[in-house]
Each structure stands twice: as C-alpha cells, then as structure tokens.
C-alpha cells in the first residue's frame, strides 16, 4: 500500500498545513509556501506515477496473486461442505408438504452449477426470473393445498393468489 502511493497523502497534508498556517506571514514566507507546495506535489505525483506503474509487475514477481496449494485444498473442501449441506437441506425440504410441487432437478442444477462454476454468464437475470416464477407457482399451489385441507378460507386464498399474480406482473 505504501509502495503504491498512500504515503503521498501525508506529504500533501503537511504541505497544505504549512501553506494554510496564518502564523507564517505571507510577505516573508509567501514564496516559500508556493515552492513547498509545488515541490511536494511534484514528488508525490512522480512517485505515485512511477510506483503505480511498477506495482503490478512487483506483485507478480513476488507471486502475491498466486493461490497456494493449501488454499486451493481448503476452497475445495469448503465447496464440498456446501454441496453436502445443500443436499441435506434439499432432502429435508423435499419432504415438506409446501415444497412437493417444486422442480427439484431445476433447483439442484442451478445450485450446483453455480458452485462448480459452469453457469452461463447471463444466469443471474435468468435465475431471478425463473426462480421468482417458480416461487410464486409453488406459493399458489401451497395456498391451494391449504384451502383443500380447510386450513384457510376462500377469501384468504383469493387475497394471496391476487398478491402472487400482482407480484409476478411487477417482475
């Protein structure tokens, strides 16, 4: 961070504090203040430019961007833990009566493709659209199931279905 020019800010602030100091009379120190600010500005700009250009090659030379083998192993283990946790949670949700109408193949493919990195570039927009539609489809089916089991009244069903339809229309 210091090599790339952060230390230049301190020099500029110190120079500006001298230039703005009213205890130094303008008549005697006016030329000194201008020279000081100009010299500090040139030095800071020069070192920022030179060091800024040399930062990327220096980082590559020091191999600071390379992922260590231990880190790669830990990332792989972390991905496996996430996949296992997702599989477990997916099995639990599949048994839930509110999620019986879900397309679990779609959910699995979507979730796992993101983890392995073979997801298409425009997946984010596609995913939100499809997921929203699937969510509201499942929501409507769940509301209907609650109605058939006499757990909610017809007016509540109408209200919730209208909410789902309006939400889909806004997408």
Protein backbone atom coordinates (compact mmCIF):
# COMPACT_ATOMS: atom_id res chain seq x y z
CA UNK A 1 0.00 0.00 0.00
CA UNK A 2 2.80 2.41 0.87
CA UNK A 3 4.68 1.50 -2.30
CA UNK A 4 1.68 2.34 -4.48
CA UNK A 5 1.46 5.91 -3.18
CA UNK A 6 -0.57 6.09 0.01
CA UNK A 7 2.26 7.88 1.79
CA UNK A 8 1.90 10.80 -0.64
CA UNK A 9 -1.27 11.87 1.13
CA UNK A 10 0.66 12.59 4.32
CA UNK A 11 3.13 14.83 2.47
CA UNK A 12 0.35 16.78 0.76
CA UNK A 13 -1.49 17.30 4.05
CA UNK A 14 1.68 18.51 5.80
CA UNK A 15 2.47 20.91 2.94
CA UNK A 16 -1.10 22.25 2.97
CA UNK A 17 -0.93 22.75 6.72
CA UNK A 18 2.21 24.89 6.29
CA UNK A 19 0.66 26.83 3.41
CA UNK A 20 -2.50 27.46 5.42
CA UNK A 21 -0.65 28.47 8.60
CA UNK A 22 -1.52 32.11 9.30
CA UNK A 23 1.34 32.49 11.81
CA UNK A 24 3.80 32.48 8.91
CA UNK A 25 3.47 35.97 7.36
CA UNK A 26 2.64 35.95 3.64
CA UNK A 27 5.15 38.72 2.94
CA UNK A 28 8.15 36.78 4.28
CA UNK A 29 7.07 33.18 3.63
CA UNK A 30 4.75 33.50 0.61
CA UNK A 31 7.33 32.34 -1.92
CA UNK A 32 8.44 29.53 0.41
CA UNK A 33 4.84 28.28 0.77
CA UNK A 34 4.32 28.14 -3.01
CA UNK A 35 7.66 26.40 -3.57
CA UNK A 36 6.96 23.89 -0.79
CA UNK A 37 3.54 23.00 -2.17
CA UNK A 38 4.90 22.74 -5.72
CA UNK A 39 7.84 20.53 -4.73
CA UNK A 40 5.76 18.21 -2.57
CA UNK A 41 3.15 17.98 -5.32
CA UNK A 42 5.76 17.08 -7.94
CA UNK A 43 7.39 14.47 -5.69
CA UNK A 44 4.06 12.90 -4.72
CA UNK A 45 2.81 12.86 -8.33
CA UNK A 46 6.10 11.43 -9.59
CA UNK A 47 6.33 8.68 -7.00
CA UNK A 48 2.66 7.89 -7.43
CA UNK A 49 3.09 7.56 -11.20
CA UNK A 50 6.33 5.54 -11.05
CA UNK A 51 5.31 3.31 -8.15
CA UNK A 52 1.82 2.89 -9.56
CA UNK A 53 3.22 1.57 -12.83
CA UNK A 54 5.62 -0.76 -11.03
CA UNK A 55 3.08 -2.19 -8.54
CA UNK A 56 1.57 -4.80 -10.86
CA UNK A 57 4.91 -6.24 -12.03
CA UNK A 58 6.18 -6.26 -8.44
CA UNK A 59 3.11 -8.13 -7.19
CA UNK A 60 3.51 -10.70 -9.99
CA UNK A 61 7.24 -11.07 -9.32
CA UNK A 62 6.58 -11.67 -5.61
CA UNK A 63 3.83 -14.18 -6.57
CA UNK A 64 1.33 -12.47 -4.29
CA UNK A 65 -1.58 -13.24 -6.64
CA UNK A 66 -0.95 -16.99 -6.85
CA UNK A 67 -3.30 -19.19 -4.85
CA UNK A 68 -1.35 -21.53 -2.64
CA UNK A 69 -1.95 -25.27 -2.82
CA UNK A 70 -3.22 -25.27 0.79
CA UNK A 71 -5.74 -22.53 -0.05
CA UNK A 72 -6.93 -24.48 -3.09
CA UNK A 73 -7.42 -27.57 -0.93
CA UNK A 74 -9.37 -25.56 1.65
CA UNK A 75 -11.54 -23.99 -1.05
CA UNK A 76 -12.29 -27.44 -2.48
CA UNK A 77 -13.15 -28.78 0.98
CA UNK A 78 -15.37 -25.76 1.61
CA UNK A 79 -17.22 -26.31 -1.66
CA UNK A 80 -17.76 -29.97 -0.76
CA UNK A 81 -19.15 -29.00 2.64
CA UNK A 82 -21.54 -26.55 1.00
CA UNK A 83 -22.68 -29.13 -1.55
CA UNK A 84 -23.27 -31.72 1.21
CA UNK A 85 -25.17 -29.20 3.34
CA UNK A 86 -27.27 -28.21 0.32
CA UNK A 87 -28.05 -31.86 -0.44
CA UNK A 88 -29.11 -32.47 3.16
CA UNK A 89 -31.26 -29.35 3.26
CA UNK A 90 -32.73 -30.20 -0.12
CA UNK A 91 -33.81 -33.65 1.13
CA UNK A 92 -35.44 -32.07 4.18
CA UNK A 93 -37.31 -29.53 2.05
CA UNK A 94 -38.45 -32.19 -0.42
CA UNK A 95 -40.31 -33.89 2.43
CA UNK A 96 -42.07 -30.65 3.39
CA UNK A 97 -45.64 -30.57 2.06
CA UNK A 98 -45.29 -26.95 0.92
CA UNK A 99 -42.45 -27.83 -1.45
CA UNK A 100 -43.82 -31.01 -3.03
CA UNK A 101 -44.59 -29.22 -6.31
CA UNK A 102 -41.10 -27.77 -6.75
CA UNK A 103 -38.92 -28.79 -9.66
CA UNK A 104 -36.06 -30.19 -7.58
CA UNK A 105 -33.96 -31.04 -10.65
CA UNK A 106 -34.02 -27.36 -11.61
CA UNK A 107 -33.04 -26.32 -8.08
CA UNK A 108 -30.20 -28.85 -7.92
CA UNK A 109 -28.85 -27.98 -11.36
CA UNK A 110 -28.98 -24.28 -10.63
CA UNK A 111 -27.34 -24.53 -7.21
CA UNK A 112 -24.61 -26.94 -8.23
CA UNK A 113 -23.77 -25.17 -11.50
CA UNK A 114 -23.04 -22.00 -9.51
CA UNK A 115 -20.73 -23.92 -7.18
CA UNK A 116 -18.77 -25.69 -9.91
CA UNK A 117 -18.51 -22.56 -12.00
CA UNK A 118 -20.08 -23.74 -15.26
CA UNK A 119 -23.02 -21.37 -15.01
CA UNK A 120 -23.74 -19.21 -18.07
CA UNK A 121 -22.82 -15.52 -17.95
CA UNK A 122 -26.41 -14.26 -18.01
CA UNK A 123 -27.53 -16.71 -15.32
CA UNK A 124 -28.18 -14.01 -12.72
CA UNK A 125 -31.06 -12.38 -14.60
CA UNK A 126 -32.37 -15.72 -15.86
CA UNK A 127 -32.16 -17.20 -12.37
CA UNK A 128 -34.07 -14.38 -10.71
CA UNK A 129 -36.82 -14.52 -13.34
CA UNK A 130 -37.21 -18.30 -13.30
CA UNK A 131 -36.82 -18.54 -9.53
CA UNK A 132 -39.45 -15.85 -8.99
CA UNK A 133 -41.87 -17.59 -11.31
CA UNK A 134 -41.20 -20.96 -9.66
CA UNK A 135 -41.57 -19.44 -6.22
CA UNK A 136 -44.97 -17.91 -6.96
CA UNK A 137 -46.12 -21.06 -8.76
CA UNK A 138 -45.21 -23.09 -5.67
CA UNK A 139 -46.74 -20.43 -3.44
CA UNK A 140 -50.06 -20.64 -5.30
CA UNK A 141 -50.04 -24.43 -5.14
CA UNK A 142 -49.28 -24.32 -1.41
CA UNK A 143 -52.12 -21.85 -0.81
CA UNK A 144 -54.48 -24.09 -2.78
CA UNK A 145 -53.33 -27.10 -0.72
CA UNK A 146 -54.06 -25.20 2.49
CA UNK A 147 -57.54 -24.40 1.17
CA UNK A 148 -58.29 -28.01 0.27
CA UNK A 149 -57.26 -29.05 3.78
CA UNK A 150 -59.65 -26.38 5.19
CA UNK A 151 -56.78 -24.52 6.87
CA UNK A 152 -57.60 -21.17 5.22
CA UNK A 153 -60.79 -19.60 3.91
CA UNK A 154 -61.61 -18.88 0.28
CA UNK A 155 -61.25 -15.12 0.81
CA UNK A 156 -57.71 -15.60 2.15
CA UNK A 157 -56.87 -17.80 -0.84
CA UNK A 158 -58.18 -15.14 -3.25
CA UNK A 159 -56.18 -12.46 -1.48
CA UNK A 160 -52.94 -14.48 -1.53
CA UNK A 161 -53.37 -15.55 -5.17
CA UNK A 162 -54.00 -11.91 -6.19
CA UNK A 163 -50.85 -10.93 -4.30
CA UNK A 164 -48.83 -13.58 -6.15
CA UNK A 165 -50.25 -12.57 -9.55
CA UNK A 166 -49.60 -8.87 -8.91
CA UNK A 167 -46.07 -9.62 -7.77
CA UNK A 168 -45.42 -11.61 -10.94
CA UNK A 169 -46.84 -8.82 -13.09
CA UNK A 170 -44.45 -6.34 -11.47
CA UNK A 171 -41.48 -8.52 -12.42
